[in-house]
């Protein structure tokens, strides 16, 4: 039935700041950008890979979501990387700060967390 993950939808507090973060810093290609005047809202579609996209929305006065400590609901998004150290080095040079690198106790793979401009947790998982 389910064949994959199509998209991840994110509502941001500052559209330009989040657009810069996901496009310029994380490097996701812009597929489409639309302003919806009726809702006074932007919708930005970003390509993660050939199968998955991020939909970035802006809505006026969107309520904040709990992120830390562990809150009920969607916990985080995770992107796979080939070289965790190189990715951390590149993103650190662009102003991103990271938690300590951890190792998955079941797979032995390394991973690390950081946050987007709205403090939403993002994980990088080394493949």
N, C-alpha and C. Protein backbone atom coordinates (compact mmCIF):
# COMPACT_ATOMS: atom_id res chain seq x y z
N UNK A 1 0.81 -1.20 0.00
CA UNK A 1 0.00 0.00 0.00
C UNK A 1 0.86 1.27 0.00
N UNK A 2 1.60 1.48 1.05
CA UNK A 2 2.44 2.69 1.14
C UNK A 2 3.75 2.42 0.42
N UNK A 3 4.14 3.37 -0.44
CA UNK A 3 5.34 3.16 -1.24
C UNK A 3 6.50 4.06 -0.86
N UNK A 4 6.28 5.02 0.05
CA UNK A 4 7.36 5.90 0.44
C UNK A 4 6.83 7.14 1.13
N UNK A 5 7.73 8.01 1.50
CA UNK A 5 7.39 9.29 2.12
C UNK A 5 7.35 10.34 1.03
N UNK A 6 6.21 11.00 0.85
CA UNK A 6 6.05 11.99 -0.22
C UNK A 6 6.58 13.35 0.20
N UNK A 7 6.12 13.86 1.36
CA UNK A 7 6.59 15.17 1.80
C UNK A 7 6.47 15.32 3.31
N UNK A 8 7.16 16.32 3.81
CA UNK A 8 7.11 16.72 5.21
C UNK A 8 6.62 18.16 5.20
N UNK A 9 5.57 18.46 5.95
CA UNK A 9 5.02 19.82 6.01
C UNK A 9 5.48 20.50 7.28
N UNK A 10 6.00 21.72 7.14
CA UNK A 10 6.52 22.49 8.27
C UNK A 10 5.88 23.87 8.24
N UNK A 11 5.33 24.31 9.36
CA UNK A 11 4.81 25.67 9.49
C UNK A 11 5.86 26.48 10.25
N UNK A 12 6.29 27.58 9.66
CA UNK A 12 7.37 28.37 10.26
C UNK A 12 6.84 29.69 10.80
N UNK A 13 7.62 30.32 11.65
CA UNK A 13 7.23 31.61 12.22
C UNK A 13 7.76 32.78 11.40
N UNK A 14 8.89 32.59 10.73
CA UNK A 14 9.50 33.64 9.92
C UNK A 14 9.84 33.02 8.56
N UNK A 15 9.02 33.30 7.57
CA UNK A 15 9.14 32.65 6.27
C UNK A 15 10.52 32.85 5.64
N UNK A 16 10.99 34.09 5.60
CA UNK A 16 12.28 34.36 4.94
C UNK A 16 13.44 33.68 5.66
N UNK A 17 13.40 33.67 6.97
CA UNK A 17 14.46 33.03 7.75
C UNK A 17 14.46 31.51 7.50
N UNK A 18 13.27 30.90 7.51
CA UNK A 18 13.19 29.46 7.29
C UNK A 18 13.50 29.10 5.84
N UNK A 19 13.07 29.92 4.89
CA UNK A 19 13.41 29.69 3.48
C UNK A 19 14.93 29.69 3.32
N UNK A 20 15.60 30.67 3.91
CA UNK A 20 17.06 30.74 3.85
C UNK A 20 17.69 29.48 4.47
N UNK A 21 17.19 29.07 5.62
CA UNK A 21 17.72 27.91 6.33
C UNK A 21 17.61 26.63 5.48
N UNK A 22 16.41 26.33 5.01
CA UNK A 22 16.19 25.07 4.28
C UNK A 22 16.77 25.09 2.86
N UNK A 23 16.76 26.27 2.21
CA UNK A 23 17.28 26.35 0.84
C UNK A 23 18.78 26.65 0.80
N UNK A 24 19.20 27.73 1.45
CA UNK A 24 20.59 28.15 1.36
C UNK A 24 21.53 27.35 2.26
N UNK A 25 21.10 27.06 3.48
CA UNK A 25 21.99 26.37 4.42
C UNK A 25 21.95 24.85 4.21
N UNK A 26 20.73 24.26 4.22
CA UNK A 26 20.64 22.81 4.04
C UNK A 26 20.72 22.41 2.57
N UNK A 27 20.50 23.35 1.66
CA UNK A 27 20.73 23.09 0.25
C UNK A 27 19.60 22.43 -0.51
N UNK A 28 18.37 22.48 0.00
CA UNK A 28 17.26 21.87 -0.73
C UNK A 28 16.82 22.77 -1.88
N UNK A 29 16.64 22.17 -3.04
CA UNK A 29 16.26 22.89 -4.26
C UNK A 29 14.80 23.35 -4.18
N UNK A 30 14.54 24.57 -4.63
CA UNK A 30 13.17 25.08 -4.68
C UNK A 30 12.46 24.49 -5.89
N UNK A 31 11.32 23.86 -5.64
CA UNK A 31 10.48 23.31 -6.71
C UNK A 31 9.47 24.37 -7.14
N UNK A 32 8.81 24.98 -6.15
CA UNK A 32 7.79 25.99 -6.42
C UNK A 32 7.63 26.87 -5.19
N UNK A 33 7.26 28.13 -5.44
CA UNK A 33 7.01 29.08 -4.36
C UNK A 33 5.75 29.85 -4.72
N UNK A 34 4.77 29.81 -3.83
CA UNK A 34 3.49 30.45 -4.10
C UNK A 34 3.00 31.25 -2.91
N UNK A 35 2.53 32.47 -3.20
CA UNK A 35 1.89 33.29 -2.18
C UNK A 35 0.39 33.13 -2.34
N UNK A 36 -0.28 32.77 -1.25
CA UNK A 36 -1.72 32.57 -1.27
C UNK A 36 -2.37 33.76 -0.56
N UNK A 37 -2.79 34.77 -1.35
CA UNK A 37 -3.29 36.04 -0.82
C UNK A 37 -4.49 35.85 0.10
N UNK A 38 -5.38 34.93 -0.23
CA UNK A 38 -6.58 34.70 0.57
C UNK A 38 -6.21 34.32 2.00
N UNK A 39 -5.11 33.59 2.16
CA UNK A 39 -4.67 33.14 3.48
C UNK A 39 -3.50 33.96 4.02
N UNK A 40 -3.03 34.94 3.24
CA UNK A 40 -1.83 35.70 3.60
C UNK A 40 -0.72 34.74 4.01
N UNK A 41 -0.47 33.78 3.14
CA UNK A 41 0.42 32.67 3.47
C UNK A 41 1.30 32.31 2.28
N UNK A 42 2.56 31.98 2.58
CA UNK A 42 3.48 31.45 1.58
C UNK A 42 3.49 29.93 1.67
N UNK A 43 3.70 29.27 0.53
CA UNK A 43 3.93 27.83 0.47
C UNK A 43 5.14 27.62 -0.44
N UNK A 44 6.17 27.05 0.14
CA UNK A 44 7.42 26.78 -0.58
C UNK A 44 7.63 25.28 -0.63
N UNK A 45 7.78 24.74 -1.84
CA UNK A 45 8.07 23.32 -2.01
C UNK A 45 9.55 23.15 -2.30
N UNK A 46 10.20 22.30 -1.51
CA UNK A 46 11.64 22.06 -1.62
C UNK A 46 11.91 20.58 -1.88
N UNK A 47 12.83 20.30 -2.79
CA UNK A 47 13.17 18.92 -3.11
C UNK A 47 14.24 18.40 -2.15
N UNK A 48 13.90 17.31 -1.44
CA UNK A 48 14.88 16.62 -0.60
C UNK A 48 15.65 15.63 -1.47
N UNK A 49 14.91 14.84 -2.23
CA UNK A 49 15.48 13.92 -3.22
C UNK A 49 14.42 13.68 -4.28
N UNK A 50 14.61 12.71 -5.15
CA UNK A 50 13.64 12.52 -6.24
C UNK A 50 12.28 12.04 -5.76
N UNK A 51 12.17 11.59 -4.53
CA UNK A 51 10.92 11.04 -4.02
C UNK A 51 10.27 11.88 -2.92
N UNK A 52 11.03 12.73 -2.26
CA UNK A 52 10.54 13.40 -1.06
C UNK A 52 10.73 14.91 -1.14
N UNK A 53 9.76 15.64 -0.61
CA UNK A 53 9.81 17.10 -0.60
C UNK A 53 9.48 17.62 0.80
N UNK A 54 9.83 18.87 1.01
CA UNK A 54 9.41 19.61 2.21
C UNK A 54 8.45 20.69 1.73
N UNK A 55 7.30 20.79 2.39
CA UNK A 55 6.38 21.89 2.16
C UNK A 55 6.55 22.85 3.33
N UNK A 56 7.02 24.06 3.04
CA UNK A 56 7.24 25.06 4.07
C UNK A 56 6.11 26.09 3.98
N UNK A 57 5.35 26.23 5.06
CA UNK A 57 4.22 27.14 5.10
C UNK A 57 4.47 28.28 6.07
N UNK A 58 3.88 29.43 5.77
CA UNK A 58 3.83 30.53 6.74
C UNK A 58 2.36 30.85 6.98
N UNK A 59 1.98 30.96 8.24
CA UNK A 59 0.63 31.37 8.62
C UNK A 59 0.76 32.41 9.71
N UNK A 60 0.01 33.48 9.61
CA UNK A 60 0.04 34.52 10.64
C UNK A 60 -0.44 33.93 11.97
N UNK A 61 0.25 34.27 13.02
CA UNK A 61 -0.14 33.90 14.39
C UNK A 61 -0.31 32.40 14.60
N UNK A 62 0.49 31.60 13.93
CA UNK A 62 0.46 30.15 14.19
C UNK A 62 0.98 29.91 15.60
N UNK A 63 0.29 29.11 16.38
CA UNK A 63 0.73 28.88 17.76
C UNK A 63 2.02 28.08 17.80
N UNK A 64 2.86 28.32 18.80
CA UNK A 64 4.10 27.54 18.91
C UNK A 64 3.80 26.09 19.28
N UNK A 65 4.72 25.20 18.92
CA UNK A 65 4.61 23.78 19.24
C UNK A 65 5.72 23.43 20.22
N UNK A 66 5.40 22.60 21.18
CA UNK A 66 6.44 22.12 22.08
C UNK A 66 7.44 21.29 21.30
N UNK A 67 8.71 21.47 21.61
CA UNK A 67 9.73 20.71 20.93
C UNK A 67 10.56 19.92 21.95
N UNK A 68 11.07 20.61 22.92
CA UNK A 68 11.84 19.98 23.99
C UNK A 68 11.19 20.34 25.31
N UNK A 69 11.07 19.53 26.30
CA UNK A 69 11.50 18.13 26.29
C UNK A 69 10.61 17.30 25.37
N UNK A 70 10.78 16.00 25.40
CA UNK A 70 10.02 15.12 24.51
C UNK A 70 8.52 15.38 24.66
N UNK A 71 7.91 15.89 23.59
CA UNK A 71 6.48 16.17 23.58
C UNK A 71 5.77 15.13 22.72
N UNK A 72 4.52 14.89 23.00
CA UNK A 72 3.74 13.94 22.22
C UNK A 72 3.55 14.47 20.80
N UNK A 73 3.53 13.59 19.83
CA UNK A 73 3.34 13.99 18.44
C UNK A 73 4.58 13.69 17.61
N UNK A 74 4.63 14.26 16.42
CA UNK A 74 5.79 14.05 15.56
C UNK A 74 7.04 14.51 16.29
N UNK A 75 8.02 13.66 16.39
CA UNK A 75 9.19 13.93 17.22
C UNK A 75 10.24 14.76 16.50
N UNK A 76 10.62 14.37 15.29
CA UNK A 76 11.64 15.11 14.53
C UNK A 76 11.66 14.59 13.10
N UNK A 77 12.39 15.30 12.26
CA UNK A 77 12.67 14.78 10.92
C UNK A 77 14.14 14.38 10.90
N UNK A 78 14.45 13.40 10.08
CA UNK A 78 15.81 12.87 10.03
C UNK A 78 16.24 12.77 8.58
N UNK A 79 17.43 13.29 8.28
CA UNK A 79 18.01 13.20 6.95
C UNK A 79 19.24 12.30 7.02
N UNK A 80 19.36 11.42 6.03
CA UNK A 80 20.54 10.55 5.99
C UNK A 80 21.68 11.29 5.29
N UNK A 81 22.88 11.03 5.77
CA UNK A 81 24.09 11.63 5.20
C UNK A 81 25.14 10.53 5.05
N UNK A 82 26.03 10.71 4.09
CA UNK A 82 27.10 9.72 3.88
C UNK A 82 28.24 9.92 4.86
N UNK A 83 28.57 11.18 5.16
CA UNK A 83 29.71 11.49 6.01
C UNK A 83 29.26 12.50 7.07
N UNK A 84 28.98 12.03 8.27
CA UNK A 84 28.46 12.88 9.34
C UNK A 84 29.44 13.98 9.70
N UNK A 85 30.72 13.64 9.82
CA UNK A 85 31.72 14.64 10.21
C UNK A 85 31.82 15.77 9.18
N UNK A 86 31.85 15.42 7.90
CA UNK A 86 31.95 16.44 6.85
C UNK A 86 30.70 17.32 6.83
N UNK A 87 29.54 16.71 7.03
CA UNK A 87 28.28 17.48 7.04
C UNK A 87 28.25 18.43 8.22
N UNK A 88 28.64 17.96 9.38
CA UNK A 88 28.68 18.82 10.57
C UNK A 88 29.65 19.98 10.35
N UNK A 89 30.81 19.67 9.79
CA UNK A 89 31.81 20.72 9.54
C UNK A 89 31.26 21.79 8.60
N UNK A 90 30.62 21.36 7.51
CA UNK A 90 30.07 22.30 6.54
C UNK A 90 28.97 23.16 7.17
N UNK A 91 28.03 22.53 7.86
CA UNK A 91 26.91 23.27 8.46
C UNK A 91 27.36 24.13 9.64
N UNK A 92 28.34 23.68 10.39
CA UNK A 92 28.90 24.50 11.48
C UNK A 92 29.47 25.79 10.92
N UNK A 93 30.12 25.70 9.77
CA UNK A 93 30.67 26.88 9.11
C UNK A 93 29.60 27.86 8.66
N UNK A 94 28.36 27.38 8.58
CA UNK A 94 27.24 28.24 8.20
C UNK A 94 26.43 28.69 9.41
N UNK A 95 26.98 28.44 10.61
CA UNK A 95 26.35 28.93 11.83
C UNK A 95 25.44 27.95 12.56
N UNK A 96 25.38 26.70 12.13
CA UNK A 96 24.53 25.71 12.79
C UNK A 96 25.29 25.13 13.98
N UNK A 97 24.60 25.01 15.11
CA UNK A 97 25.19 24.37 16.29
C UNK A 97 24.52 23.01 16.50
N UNK A 98 25.28 22.06 16.97
CA UNK A 98 24.83 20.68 17.10
C UNK A 98 24.91 20.20 18.54
N UNK A 99 24.04 19.23 18.87
CA UNK A 99 24.17 18.49 20.11
C UNK A 99 25.37 17.56 19.94
N UNK A 100 25.70 16.82 20.97
CA UNK A 100 26.79 15.86 20.89
C UNK A 100 26.42 14.72 19.95
N UNK A 101 27.40 14.21 19.22
CA UNK A 101 27.19 13.05 18.35
C UNK A 101 26.91 11.85 19.24
N UNK A 102 25.92 11.06 18.83
CA UNK A 102 25.57 9.84 19.54
C UNK A 102 25.68 8.65 18.60
N UNK A 103 25.65 7.47 19.18
CA UNK A 103 25.68 6.24 18.40
C UNK A 103 24.42 5.44 18.68
N UNK A 104 23.75 5.00 17.61
CA UNK A 104 22.54 4.19 17.74
C UNK A 104 22.94 2.85 18.37
N UNK A 105 22.36 2.55 19.50
CA UNK A 105 22.74 1.35 20.23
C UNK A 105 22.36 0.06 19.51
N UNK A 106 21.45 0.14 18.56
CA UNK A 106 21.02 -1.05 17.85
C UNK A 106 21.74 -1.25 16.52
N UNK A 107 22.07 -0.17 15.83
CA UNK A 107 22.70 -0.30 14.51
C UNK A 107 24.19 0.03 14.53
N UNK A 108 24.63 0.73 15.57
CA UNK A 108 26.02 1.17 15.62
C UNK A 108 26.30 2.40 14.77
N UNK A 109 25.28 2.97 14.13
CA UNK A 109 25.44 4.14 13.27
C UNK A 109 25.44 5.42 14.12
N UNK A 110 26.19 6.43 13.65
CA UNK A 110 26.27 7.70 14.37
C UNK A 110 25.18 8.66 13.89
N UNK A 111 24.72 9.52 14.81
CA UNK A 111 23.71 10.51 14.48
C UNK A 111 23.88 11.72 15.38
N UNK A 112 23.26 12.83 14.97
CA UNK A 112 23.37 14.07 15.72
C UNK A 112 22.10 14.90 15.49
N UNK A 113 21.77 15.74 16.46
CA UNK A 113 20.60 16.63 16.36
C UNK A 113 21.03 18.08 16.29
N UNK A 114 20.22 18.88 15.60
CA UNK A 114 20.33 20.34 15.60
C UNK A 114 18.91 20.87 15.41
N UNK A 115 18.74 22.17 15.36
CA UNK A 115 17.39 22.74 15.28
C UNK A 115 17.27 23.71 14.12
N UNK A 116 16.05 23.81 13.60
CA UNK A 116 15.78 24.79 12.56
C UNK A 116 15.48 26.15 13.22
N UNK A 117 15.17 27.19 12.45
CA UNK A 117 14.95 28.51 13.06
C UNK A 117 13.81 28.57 14.07
N UNK A 118 12.87 27.62 14.01
CA UNK A 118 11.78 27.58 14.99
C UNK A 118 12.03 26.56 16.09
N UNK A 119 13.28 26.12 16.23
CA UNK A 119 13.70 25.16 17.24
C UNK A 119 13.09 23.77 17.04
N UNK A 120 12.69 23.46 15.80
CA UNK A 120 12.21 22.11 15.51
C UNK A 120 13.42 21.19 15.38
N UNK A 121 13.40 20.03 16.03
CA UNK A 121 14.57 19.16 15.99
C UNK A 121 14.74 18.46 14.64
N UNK A 122 15.99 18.45 14.18
CA UNK A 122 16.37 17.77 12.95
C UNK A 122 17.53 16.84 13.28
N UNK A 123 17.45 15.63 12.78
CA UNK A 123 18.50 14.63 13.01
C UNK A 123 19.23 14.36 11.70
N UNK A 124 20.54 14.19 11.80
CA UNK A 124 21.35 13.70 10.68
C UNK A 124 21.82 12.31 11.07
N UNK A 125 21.61 11.33 10.20
CA UNK A 125 21.93 9.94 10.49
C UNK A 125 22.90 9.44 9.44
N UNK A 126 24.06 8.98 9.87
CA UNK A 126 25.11 8.54 8.94
C UNK A 126 24.78 7.15 8.40
N UNK A 127 24.79 7.05 7.07
CA UNK A 127 24.48 5.76 6.41
C UNK A 127 25.74 4.99 6.07
